[in-house]
Amino acid sequence: GQFGELPKGYDHKYVYSHFGYNLKLTDMQAAIGVAQMEKLPYIISRRRENWERLYNGLARFKDYFVLPEPCENSLPSWFGFLLTVKENKIFSRDDIVKSLEEKKIQTRMLFAGNLIRQPCFDEIRCNGQYYKVIGELNNTEIIMKNAFWIGVHPGISDEQMEYIINSIADFIIDRERGACS
């Protein structure tokens, strides 16, 4: 189905129908979080290693992807690896996501993009309130339609990271061959 002004096929898990807050943390979850603090240096280190492995493994495909870059003078603990598919004639974001999911590689859509397309903004209009849009929001449209996440969880092994990289490489190489025939 289609949700408001969002692109057709937009994942319902990332549709915001109402403005609100997400405050779900319980005391038990907080206690687990405190216990996890001992593992934090390892978690951060491993996320960075997995992110770097993906970056280095996919750098040869910069013609097809906008690869994430850290801000100058920063050393992030990465949430994930955001790939944005550049406009090209051989595959779309949905094509590569379908291929990866079929190979049991989980992906997630970027839960942002052009937020004014979210149904929750209809509430603002209906209540007589207005918001101001400056510019065309071209980049927000691009990431909403063409970006997706690959995980860098510390539990992903080196072998699994290689499988992810090889699966992306194989997909692109197969599509390139098909485009040339």
N, C-alpha and C. Protein backbone atom coordinates (compact mmCIF):
# COMPACT_ATOMS: atom_id res chain seq x y z
N GLY A 1 0.82 -1.19 0.00
CA GLY A 1 0.00 0.00 0.00
C GLY A 1 0.85 1.25 0.00
N GLN A 2 0.18 2.35 -0.03
CA GLN A 2 0.87 3.63 0.00
C GLN A 2 0.42 4.42 1.21
N PHE A 3 1.34 5.03 1.91
CA PHE A 3 1.06 5.81 3.11
C PHE A 3 1.26 7.29 2.80
N GLY A 4 0.18 8.03 2.76
CA GLY A 4 0.26 9.47 2.53
C GLY A 4 1.07 9.79 1.29
N GLU A 5 2.05 10.66 1.45
CA GLU A 5 2.89 11.09 0.34
C GLU A 5 4.20 10.31 0.26
N LEU A 6 4.34 9.26 1.07
CA LEU A 6 5.55 8.45 1.03
C LEU A 6 5.59 7.64 -0.27
N PRO A 7 6.79 7.25 -0.71
CA PRO A 7 6.88 6.46 -1.94
C PRO A 7 6.10 5.16 -1.84
N LYS A 8 5.57 4.71 -2.94
CA LYS A 8 4.84 3.44 -2.99
C LYS A 8 5.76 2.32 -2.51
N GLY A 9 5.24 1.46 -1.65
CA GLY A 9 6.03 0.35 -1.13
C GLY A 9 6.87 0.71 0.09
N TYR A 10 6.76 1.93 0.62
CA TYR A 10 7.53 2.34 1.80
C TYR A 10 7.20 1.41 2.96
N ASP A 11 8.22 0.93 3.66
CA ASP A 11 8.05 -0.05 4.73
C ASP A 11 7.21 0.52 5.86
N HIS A 12 6.11 -0.15 6.17
CA HIS A 12 5.17 0.33 7.19
C HIS A 12 5.81 0.49 8.57
N LYS A 13 6.92 -0.23 8.82
CA LYS A 13 7.57 -0.12 10.13
C LYS A 13 8.18 1.27 10.36
N TYR A 14 8.35 2.02 9.28
CA TYR A 14 8.98 3.34 9.38
C TYR A 14 8.02 4.46 9.01
N VAL A 15 6.75 4.21 9.17
CA VAL A 15 5.72 5.21 8.90
C VAL A 15 5.29 5.81 10.24
N TYR A 16 5.32 7.11 10.33
CA TYR A 16 4.93 7.81 11.55
C TYR A 16 3.59 8.47 11.31
N SER A 17 2.56 7.95 11.95
CA SER A 17 1.22 8.47 11.72
C SER A 17 0.88 9.61 12.67
N HIS A 18 1.57 9.68 13.83
CA HIS A 18 1.30 10.73 14.81
C HIS A 18 2.61 11.20 15.42
N PHE A 19 2.67 12.49 15.76
CA PHE A 19 3.81 13.00 16.49
C PHE A 19 3.76 12.46 17.91
N GLY A 20 4.90 12.20 18.50
CA GLY A 20 4.93 11.71 19.87
C GLY A 20 6.34 11.40 20.30
N TYR A 21 6.44 10.72 21.40
CA TYR A 21 7.72 10.37 21.97
C TYR A 21 7.80 8.86 22.12
N ASN A 22 9.01 8.34 22.07
CA ASN A 22 9.25 6.92 22.21
C ASN A 22 10.04 6.74 23.51
N LEU A 23 9.36 6.55 24.59
CA LEU A 23 10.00 6.42 25.91
C LEU A 23 9.67 5.04 26.47
N LYS A 24 10.46 4.05 26.09
CA LYS A 24 10.14 2.68 26.47
C LYS A 24 11.11 2.06 27.47
N LEU A 25 12.12 2.78 27.89
CA LEU A 25 13.14 2.20 28.76
C LEU A 25 12.56 1.86 30.13
N THR A 26 12.76 0.63 30.56
CA THR A 26 12.32 0.19 31.88
C THR A 26 13.53 0.13 32.82
N ASP A 27 13.27 -0.03 34.11
CA ASP A 27 14.36 -0.17 35.08
C ASP A 27 15.22 -1.39 34.76
N MET A 28 14.58 -2.47 34.33
CA MET A 28 15.32 -3.68 34.00
C MET A 28 16.26 -3.41 32.81
N GLN A 29 15.76 -2.72 31.81
CA GLN A 29 16.60 -2.41 30.65
C GLN A 29 17.76 -1.49 31.06
N ALA A 30 17.48 -0.56 31.95
CA ALA A 30 18.54 0.34 32.43
C ALA A 30 19.61 -0.46 33.17
N ALA A 31 19.19 -1.44 33.97
CA ALA A 31 20.15 -2.28 34.71
C ALA A 31 21.02 -3.07 33.75
N ILE A 32 20.42 -3.61 32.70
CA ILE A 32 21.18 -4.34 31.69
C ILE A 32 22.17 -3.40 31.01
N GLY A 33 21.71 -2.18 30.72
CA GLY A 33 22.59 -1.19 30.09
C GLY A 33 23.81 -0.87 30.95
N VAL A 34 23.60 -0.74 32.25
CA VAL A 34 24.71 -0.47 33.16
C VAL A 34 25.70 -1.64 33.13
N ALA A 35 25.18 -2.86 33.15
CA ALA A 35 26.06 -4.04 33.09
C ALA A 35 26.81 -4.10 31.77
N GLN A 36 26.20 -3.65 30.69
CA GLN A 36 26.84 -3.66 29.37
C GLN A 36 28.01 -2.67 29.29
N MET A 37 28.04 -1.69 30.17
CA MET A 37 29.10 -0.67 30.13
C MET A 37 30.49 -1.28 30.19
N GLU A 38 30.62 -2.42 30.88
CA GLU A 38 31.92 -3.08 30.96
C GLU A 38 32.39 -3.54 29.57
N LYS A 39 31.43 -3.87 28.71
CA LYS A 39 31.75 -4.36 27.37
C LYS A 39 31.88 -3.24 26.35
N LEU A 40 31.61 -2.01 26.75
CA LEU A 40 31.54 -0.90 25.80
C LEU A 40 32.81 -0.72 24.96
N PRO A 41 34.01 -0.76 25.55
CA PRO A 41 35.20 -0.59 24.69
C PRO A 41 35.27 -1.64 23.58
N TYR A 42 34.96 -2.89 23.90
CA TYR A 42 34.97 -3.94 22.88
C TYR A 42 33.89 -3.68 21.83
N ILE A 43 32.69 -3.33 22.27
CA ILE A 43 31.58 -3.09 21.35
C ILE A 43 31.94 -1.98 20.37
N ILE A 44 32.47 -0.88 20.88
CA ILE A 44 32.84 0.25 20.02
C ILE A 44 33.93 -0.17 19.05
N SER A 45 34.96 -0.84 19.54
CA SER A 45 36.07 -1.27 18.70
C SER A 45 35.59 -2.19 17.58
N ARG A 46 34.76 -3.14 17.95
CA ARG A 46 34.29 -4.11 16.95
C ARG A 46 33.37 -3.47 15.91
N ARG A 47 32.52 -2.54 16.33
CA ARG A 47 31.67 -1.82 15.37
C ARG A 47 32.54 -1.05 14.38
N ARG A 48 33.58 -0.41 14.89
CA ARG A 48 34.48 0.34 13.99
C ARG A 48 35.20 -0.60 13.03
N GLU A 49 35.64 -1.74 13.51
CA GLU A 49 36.30 -2.72 12.64
C GLU A 49 35.36 -3.20 11.54
N ASN A 50 34.13 -3.54 11.91
CA ASN A 50 33.17 -4.02 10.92
C ASN A 50 32.81 -2.93 9.92
N TRP A 51 32.66 -1.71 10.40
CA TRP A 51 32.37 -0.59 9.51
C TRP A 51 33.52 -0.40 8.52
N GLU A 52 34.74 -0.41 9.02
CA GLU A 52 35.92 -0.21 8.17
C GLU A 52 36.06 -1.35 7.15
N ARG A 53 35.78 -2.56 7.57
CA ARG A 53 35.85 -3.70 6.66
C ARG A 53 34.84 -3.50 5.51
N LEU A 54 33.62 -3.08 5.83
CA LEU A 54 32.63 -2.81 4.79
C LEU A 54 33.08 -1.67 3.88
N TYR A 55 33.56 -0.61 4.48
CA TYR A 55 34.00 0.54 3.69
C TYR A 55 35.10 0.14 2.70
N ASN A 56 36.12 -0.55 3.20
CA ASN A 56 37.22 -0.95 2.34
C ASN A 56 36.78 -1.97 1.29
N GLY A 57 35.88 -2.86 1.67
CA GLY A 57 35.41 -3.88 0.74
C GLY A 57 34.49 -3.34 -0.34
N LEU A 58 33.82 -2.22 -0.06
CA LEU A 58 32.86 -1.67 -1.03
C LEU A 58 33.36 -0.42 -1.74
N ALA A 59 34.54 0.07 -1.37
CA ALA A 59 35.07 1.30 -1.96
C ALA A 59 35.19 1.20 -3.48
N ARG A 60 35.43 0.01 -4.00
CA ARG A 60 35.56 -0.16 -5.45
C ARG A 60 34.24 0.04 -6.19
N PHE A 61 33.14 0.14 -5.44
CA PHE A 61 31.82 0.31 -6.06
C PHE A 61 31.27 1.71 -5.87
N LYS A 62 32.18 2.70 -5.73
CA LYS A 62 31.75 4.08 -5.51
C LYS A 62 30.96 4.65 -6.69
N ASP A 63 31.04 4.01 -7.85
CA ASP A 63 30.22 4.45 -8.98
C ASP A 63 28.74 4.15 -8.72
N TYR A 64 28.47 3.19 -7.85
CA TYR A 64 27.10 2.77 -7.57
C TYR A 64 26.56 3.23 -6.23
N PHE A 65 27.46 3.54 -5.28
CA PHE A 65 27.03 3.89 -3.93
C PHE A 65 27.64 5.20 -3.45
N VAL A 66 26.88 5.90 -2.65
CA VAL A 66 27.44 6.95 -1.80
C VAL A 66 27.80 6.24 -0.51
N LEU A 67 29.08 6.18 -0.19
CA LEU A 67 29.53 5.51 1.02
C LEU A 67 29.54 6.51 2.18
N PRO A 68 29.24 6.05 3.37
CA PRO A 68 29.25 6.96 4.53
C PRO A 68 30.67 7.42 4.82
N GLU A 69 30.78 8.64 5.30
CA GLU A 69 32.07 9.21 5.66
C GLU A 69 31.94 9.83 7.05
N PRO A 70 32.91 9.59 7.93
CA PRO A 70 32.84 10.26 9.23
C PRO A 70 33.11 11.75 9.09
N CYS A 71 32.53 12.53 9.98
CA CYS A 71 32.82 13.97 9.98
C CYS A 71 34.29 14.18 10.33
N GLU A 72 34.82 15.29 9.86
CA GLU A 72 36.21 15.62 10.14
C GLU A 72 36.45 15.65 11.66
N ASN A 73 37.58 15.14 12.07
CA ASN A 73 37.99 15.12 13.48
C ASN A 73 37.02 14.33 14.37
N SER A 74 36.39 13.30 13.82
CA SER A 74 35.49 12.47 14.62
C SER A 74 35.94 11.02 14.56
N LEU A 75 35.55 10.27 15.53
CA LEU A 75 35.82 8.84 15.57
C LEU A 75 34.53 8.15 16.05
N PRO A 76 33.58 7.95 15.14
CA PRO A 76 32.26 7.45 15.55
C PRO A 76 32.27 6.00 16.03
N SER A 77 31.33 5.71 16.89
CA SER A 77 30.94 4.34 17.18
C SER A 77 29.71 4.11 16.32
N TRP A 78 29.90 3.47 15.18
CA TRP A 78 28.88 3.40 14.15
C TRP A 78 27.67 2.59 14.56
N PHE A 79 26.48 3.11 14.25
CA PHE A 79 25.22 2.41 14.43
C PHE A 79 25.09 1.32 13.38
N GLY A 80 25.49 1.64 12.18
CA GLY A 80 25.39 0.73 11.04
C GLY A 80 26.15 1.33 9.88
N PHE A 81 26.05 0.68 8.75
CA PHE A 81 26.72 1.14 7.53
C PHE A 81 25.64 1.54 6.55
N LEU A 82 25.51 2.84 6.31
CA LEU A 82 24.46 3.35 5.43
C LEU A 82 24.96 3.40 3.99
N LEU A 83 24.29 2.64 3.14
CA LEU A 83 24.60 2.65 1.71
C LEU A 83 23.49 3.41 0.99
N THR A 84 23.87 4.35 0.15
CA THR A 84 22.90 5.06 -0.68
C THR A 84 23.21 4.70 -2.13
N VAL A 85 22.24 4.11 -2.79
CA VAL A 85 22.42 3.69 -4.18
C VAL A 85 22.31 4.92 -5.08
N LYS A 86 23.36 5.13 -5.88
CA LYS A 86 23.33 6.22 -6.85
C LYS A 86 22.44 5.82 -8.02
N GLU A 87 21.86 6.81 -8.68
CA GLU A 87 21.06 6.52 -9.87
C GLU A 87 21.94 5.80 -10.88
N ASN A 88 21.48 4.67 -11.36
CA ASN A 88 22.21 3.91 -12.37
C ASN A 88 21.21 3.07 -13.15
N LYS A 89 21.67 2.50 -14.23
CA LYS A 89 20.76 1.77 -15.12
C LYS A 89 20.68 0.26 -14.83
N ILE A 90 21.48 -0.23 -13.86
CA ILE A 90 21.49 -1.68 -13.69
C ILE A 90 20.82 -2.19 -12.40
N PHE A 91 20.64 -1.34 -11.38
CA PHE A 91 19.93 -1.80 -10.19
C PHE A 91 19.45 -0.63 -9.34
N SER A 92 18.43 -0.93 -8.56
CA SER A 92 17.87 0.04 -7.61
C SER A 92 18.16 -0.44 -6.19
N ARG A 93 17.83 0.40 -5.24
CA ARG A 93 17.96 -0.02 -3.84
C ARG A 93 17.13 -1.27 -3.59
N ASP A 94 15.90 -1.27 -4.09
CA ASP A 94 15.03 -2.42 -3.84
C ASP A 94 15.60 -3.70 -4.44
N ASP A 95 16.26 -3.60 -5.59
CA ASP A 95 16.88 -4.78 -6.22
C ASP A 95 17.96 -5.37 -5.33
N ILE A 96 18.87 -4.52 -4.84
CA ILE A 96 19.98 -5.05 -4.05
C ILE A 96 19.51 -5.51 -2.67
N VAL A 97 18.56 -4.79 -2.09
CA VAL A 97 18.03 -5.22 -0.79
C VAL A 97 17.37 -6.59 -0.92
N LYS A 98 16.59 -6.79 -1.96
CA LYS A 98 15.94 -8.09 -2.18
C LYS A 98 16.99 -9.19 -2.31
N SER A 99 18.04 -8.93 -3.07
CA SER A 99 19.10 -9.92 -3.24
C SER A 99 19.78 -10.25 -1.91
N LEU A 100 20.10 -9.23 -1.13
CA LEU A 100 20.77 -9.46 0.15
C LEU A 100 19.87 -10.22 1.11
N GLU A 101 18.61 -9.83 1.19
CA GLU A 101 17.67 -10.51 2.08
C GLU A 101 17.51 -11.98 1.68
N GLU A 102 17.50 -12.26 0.38
CA GLU A 102 17.41 -13.65 -0.08
C GLU A 102 18.63 -14.46 0.35
N LYS A 103 19.75 -13.78 0.56
CA LYS A 103 20.98 -14.45 1.01
C LYS A 103 21.11 -14.40 2.53
N LYS A 104 20.00 -14.08 3.20
CA LYS A 104 19.93 -14.05 4.67
C LYS A 104 20.80 -12.95 5.28
N ILE A 105 21.00 -11.88 4.52
CA ILE A 105 21.70 -10.69 5.03
C ILE A 105 20.63 -9.65 5.33
N GLN A 106 20.47 -9.35 6.61
CA GLN A 106 19.42 -8.41 6.99
C GLN A 106 19.82 -6.99 6.64
N THR A 107 18.83 -6.24 6.20
CA THR A 107 19.00 -4.83 5.91
C THR A 107 17.88 -4.09 6.63
N ARG A 108 18.03 -2.79 6.73
CA ARG A 108 16.98 -1.94 7.28
C ARG A 108 16.93 -0.67 6.43
N MET A 109 15.73 -0.17 6.27
CA MET A 109 15.59 1.09 5.57
C MET A 109 16.00 2.22 6.49
N LEU A 110 16.41 3.32 5.90
CA LEU A 110 16.73 4.52 6.68
C LEU A 110 15.41 5.09 7.17
N PHE A 111 15.26 5.25 8.47
CA PHE A 111 14.00 5.74 9.01
C PHE A 111 14.03 7.26 9.13
N ALA A 112 14.20 7.88 8.00
CA ALA A 112 14.21 9.34 7.96
C ALA A 112 13.92 9.75 6.53
N GLY A 113 14.78 10.55 5.98
CA GLY A 113 14.52 11.06 4.64
C GLY A 113 13.65 12.29 4.73
N ASN A 114 12.77 12.43 3.78
CA ASN A 114 11.91 13.60 3.73
C ASN A 114 10.77 13.44 4.74
N LEU A 115 11.00 13.90 5.95
CA LEU A 115 10.04 13.68 7.03
C LEU A 115 8.69 14.34 6.79
N ILE A 116 8.64 15.38 5.98
CA ILE A 116 7.34 16.02 5.77
C ILE A 116 6.41 15.15 4.93
N ARG A 117 6.93 14.08 4.36
CA ARG A 117 6.08 13.12 3.64
C ARG A 117 5.39 12.14 4.60
N GLN A 118 5.85 12.12 5.85
CA GLN A 118 5.26 11.22 6.83
C GLN A 118 3.83 11.66 7.14
N PRO A 119 2.93 10.68 7.30
CA PRO A 119 1.53 11.01 7.59
C PRO A 119 1.34 11.89 8.83
N CYS A 120 2.25 11.82 9.80
CA CYS A 120 2.09 12.64 11.01
C CYS A 120 2.06 14.13 10.69
N PHE A 121 2.66 14.52 9.58
CA PHE A 121 2.63 15.94 9.21
C PHE A 121 1.25 16.38 8.75
N ASP A 122 0.39 15.43 8.41
CA ASP A 122 -1.00 15.76 8.08
C ASP A 122 -1.71 16.35 9.29
N GLU A 123 -1.35 15.89 10.49
CA GLU A 123 -1.94 16.42 11.72
C GLU A 123 -1.68 17.91 11.85
N ILE A 124 -0.48 18.31 11.52
CA ILE A 124 -0.12 19.71 11.66
C ILE A 124 -0.97 20.55 10.71
N ARG A 125 -1.10 20.08 9.49
CA ARG A 125 -1.90 20.80 8.52
C ARG A 125 -3.37 20.84 8.93
N CYS A 126 -3.86 19.73 9.46
CA CYS A 126 -5.28 19.66 9.85
C CYS A 126 -5.58 20.56 11.04
N ASN A 127 -4.62 20.77 11.90
CA ASN A 127 -4.83 21.61 13.07
C ASN A 127 -4.61 23.08 12.77
N GLY A 128 -4.43 23.41 11.52
CA GLY A 128 -4.25 24.81 11.14
C GLY A 128 -2.86 25.35 11.40
N GLN A 129 -1.96 24.48 11.82
CA GLN A 129 -0.59 24.91 12.05
C GLN A 129 0.21 24.69 10.77
N TYR A 130 1.28 25.41 10.65
CA TYR A 130 2.10 25.31 9.44
C TYR A 130 3.55 25.12 9.82
N TYR A 131 4.28 24.55 8.93
CA TYR A 131 5.72 24.45 9.07
C TYR A 131 6.32 25.05 7.81
N LYS A 132 7.58 25.41 7.89
CA LYS A 132 8.24 26.08 6.79
C LYS A 132 9.21 25.13 6.11
N VAL A 133 9.14 25.03 4.81
CA VAL A 133 10.07 24.22 4.03
C VAL A 133 10.94 25.17 3.22
N ILE A 134 12.23 25.01 3.36
CA ILE A 134 13.18 25.85 2.63
C ILE A 134 13.91 24.96 1.64
N GLY A 135 13.81 25.26 0.37
CA GLY A 135 14.49 24.49 -0.65
C GLY A 135 13.64 23.34 -1.15
N GLU A 136 14.26 22.53 -2.00
CA GLU A 136 13.55 21.44 -2.66
C GLU A 136 13.62 20.12 -1.90
N LEU A 137 14.48 20.02 -0.91
CA LEU A 137 14.66 18.79 -0.11
C LEU A 137 15.11 17.61 -0.98
N ASN A 138 15.90 17.91 -2.01
CA ASN A 138 16.34 16.86 -2.94
C ASN A 138 17.13 15.75 -2.24
N ASN A 139 18.04 16.10 -1.35
CA ASN A 139 18.84 15.07 -0.69
C ASN A 139 18.00 14.20 0.22
N THR A 140 17.00 14.79 0.86
CA THR A 140 16.13 13.98 1.72
C THR A 140 15.32 13.00 0.89
N GLU A 141 14.94 13.41 -0.31
CA GLU A 141 14.22 12.50 -1.22
C GLU A 141 15.13 11.35 -1.66
N ILE A 142 16.38 11.68 -1.98
CA ILE A 142 17.33 10.66 -2.44
C ILE A 142 17.55 9.60 -1.36
N ILE A 143 17.81 10.04 -0.13
CA ILE A 143 18.10 9.04 0.90
C ILE A 143 16.84 8.26 1.29
N MET A 144 15.67 8.90 1.19
CA MET A 144 14.44 8.17 1.51
C MET A 144 14.20 7.06 0.49
N LYS A 145 14.52 7.32 -0.76
CA LYS A 145 14.24 6.35 -1.83
C LYS A 145 15.40 5.38 -2.09
N ASN A 146 16.64 5.78 -1.76
CA ASN A 146 17.80 5.01 -2.22
C ASN A 146 18.74 4.51 -1.13
N ALA A 147 18.49 4.81 0.15
CA ALA A 147 19.44 4.43 1.20
C ALA A 147 18.93 3.25 2.01
N PHE A 148 19.87 2.46 2.52
CA PHE A 148 19.54 1.35 3.42
C PHE A 148 20.75 1.04 4.30
N TRP A 149 20.48 0.41 5.42
CA TRP A 149 21.51 0.06 6.40
C TRP A 149 21.94 -1.39 6.26
N ILE A 150 23.21 -1.60 6.50
CA ILE A 150 23.78 -2.93 6.74
C ILE A 150 24.35 -2.87 8.15
N GLY A 151 24.20 -3.95 8.90
CA GLY A 151 24.64 -3.94 10.29
C GLY A 151 26.14 -4.02 10.47
N VAL A 152 26.60 -3.44 11.57
CA VAL A 152 28.00 -3.56 11.99
C VAL A 152 28.09 -4.08 13.43
N HIS A 153 27.05 -4.79 13.84
CA HIS A 153 26.97 -5.32 15.20
C HIS A 153 28.26 -6.05 15.57
N PRO A 154 28.71 -5.91 16.81
CA PRO A 154 29.97 -6.56 17.20
C PRO A 154 29.93 -8.08 17.11
N GLY A 155 28.73 -8.67 17.07
CA GLY A 155 28.62 -10.12 16.97
C GLY A 155 28.78 -10.64 15.55
N ILE A 156 28.89 -9.75 14.58
CA ILE A 156 29.10 -10.20 13.19
C ILE A 156 30.57 -10.56 13.04
N SER A 157 30.84 -11.78 12.65
CA SER A 157 32.22 -12.27 12.54
C SER A 157 32.90 -11.74 11.28
N ASP A 158 34.21 -11.90 11.23
CA ASP A 158 34.97 -11.52 10.04
C ASP A 158 34.48 -12.29 8.82
N GLU A 159 34.19 -13.57 9.02
CA GLU A 159 33.72 -14.39 7.90
C GLU A 159 32.36 -13.90 7.41
N GLN A 160 31.49 -13.53 8.33
CA GLN A 160 30.18 -13.01 7.95
C GLN A 160 30.30 -11.67 7.22
N MET A 161 31.23 -10.84 7.66
CA MET A 161 31.44 -9.55 6.98
C MET A 161 31.93 -9.80 5.55
N GLU A 162 32.81 -10.77 5.38
CA GLU A 162 33.28 -11.10 4.03
C GLU A 162 32.13 -11.61 3.16
N TYR A 163 31.25 -12.40 3.76
CA TYR A 163 30.08 -12.90 3.04
C TYR A 163 29.20 -11.74 2.56
N ILE A 164 29.01 -10.75 3.41
CA ILE A 164 28.21 -9.57 3.04
C ILE A 164 28.87 -8.83 1.88
N ILE A 165 30.16 -8.56 2.00
CA ILE A 165 30.89 -7.84 0.95
C ILE A 165 30.86 -8.63 -0.35
N ASN A 166 31.14 -9.92 -0.28
CA ASN A 166 31.14 -10.76 -1.49
C ASN A 166 29.75 -10.85 -2.11
N SER A 167 28.72 -10.87 -1.28
CA SER A 167 27.35 -10.92 -1.81
C SER A 167 27.01 -9.65 -2.57
N ILE A 168 27.44 -8.51 -2.06
CA ILE A 168 27.21 -7.24 -2.75
C ILE A 168 28.02 -7.21 -4.04
N ALA A 169 29.28 -7.61 -3.96
CA ALA A 169 30.14 -7.63 -5.15
C ALA A 169 29.57 -8.56 -6.22
N ASP A 170 29.16 -9.76 -5.83
CA ASP A 170 28.59 -10.71 -6.79
C ASP A 170 27.34 -10.14 -7.44
N PHE A 171 26.49 -9.50 -6.65
CA PHE A 171 25.27 -8.91 -7.18
C PHE A 171 25.60 -7.87 -8.26
N ILE A 172 26.55 -6.98 -7.94
CA ILE A 172 26.90 -5.91 -8.89
C ILE A 172 27.55 -6.49 -10.14
N ILE A 173 28.47 -7.41 -9.96
CA ILE A 173 29.15 -8.02 -11.11
C ILE A 173 28.15 -8.74 -12.01
N ASP A 174 27.21 -9.47 -11.42
CA ASP A 174 26.17 -10.15 -12.21
C ASP A 174 25.33 -9.13 -12.98
N ARG A 175 24.97 -8.03 -12.33
CA ARG A 175 24.17 -7.01 -13.00
C ARG A 175 24.96 -6.32 -14.11
N GLU A 176 26.24 -6.10 -13.88
CA GLU A 176 27.08 -5.48 -14.92
C GLU A 176 27.15 -6.40 -16.14
N ARG A 177 27.35 -7.69 -15.89
CA ARG A 177 27.41 -8.65 -17.00
C ARG A 177 26.10 -8.65 -17.77
N GLY A 178 25.00 -8.63 -17.05
CA GLY A 178 23.68 -8.63 -17.70
C GLY A 178 23.45 -7.36 -18.50
N ALA A 179 23.99 -6.25 -18.03
CA ALA A 179 23.80 -4.98 -18.75
C ALA A 179 24.63 -4.94 -20.03
N CYS A 180 25.72 -5.70 -20.05
CA CYS A 180 26.61 -5.69 -21.21
C CYS A 180 26.15 -6.67 -22.30
N SER A 181 25.27 -7.62 -21.94
CA SER A 181 24.88 -8.60 -22.95
C SER A 181 23.71 -8.14 -23.79
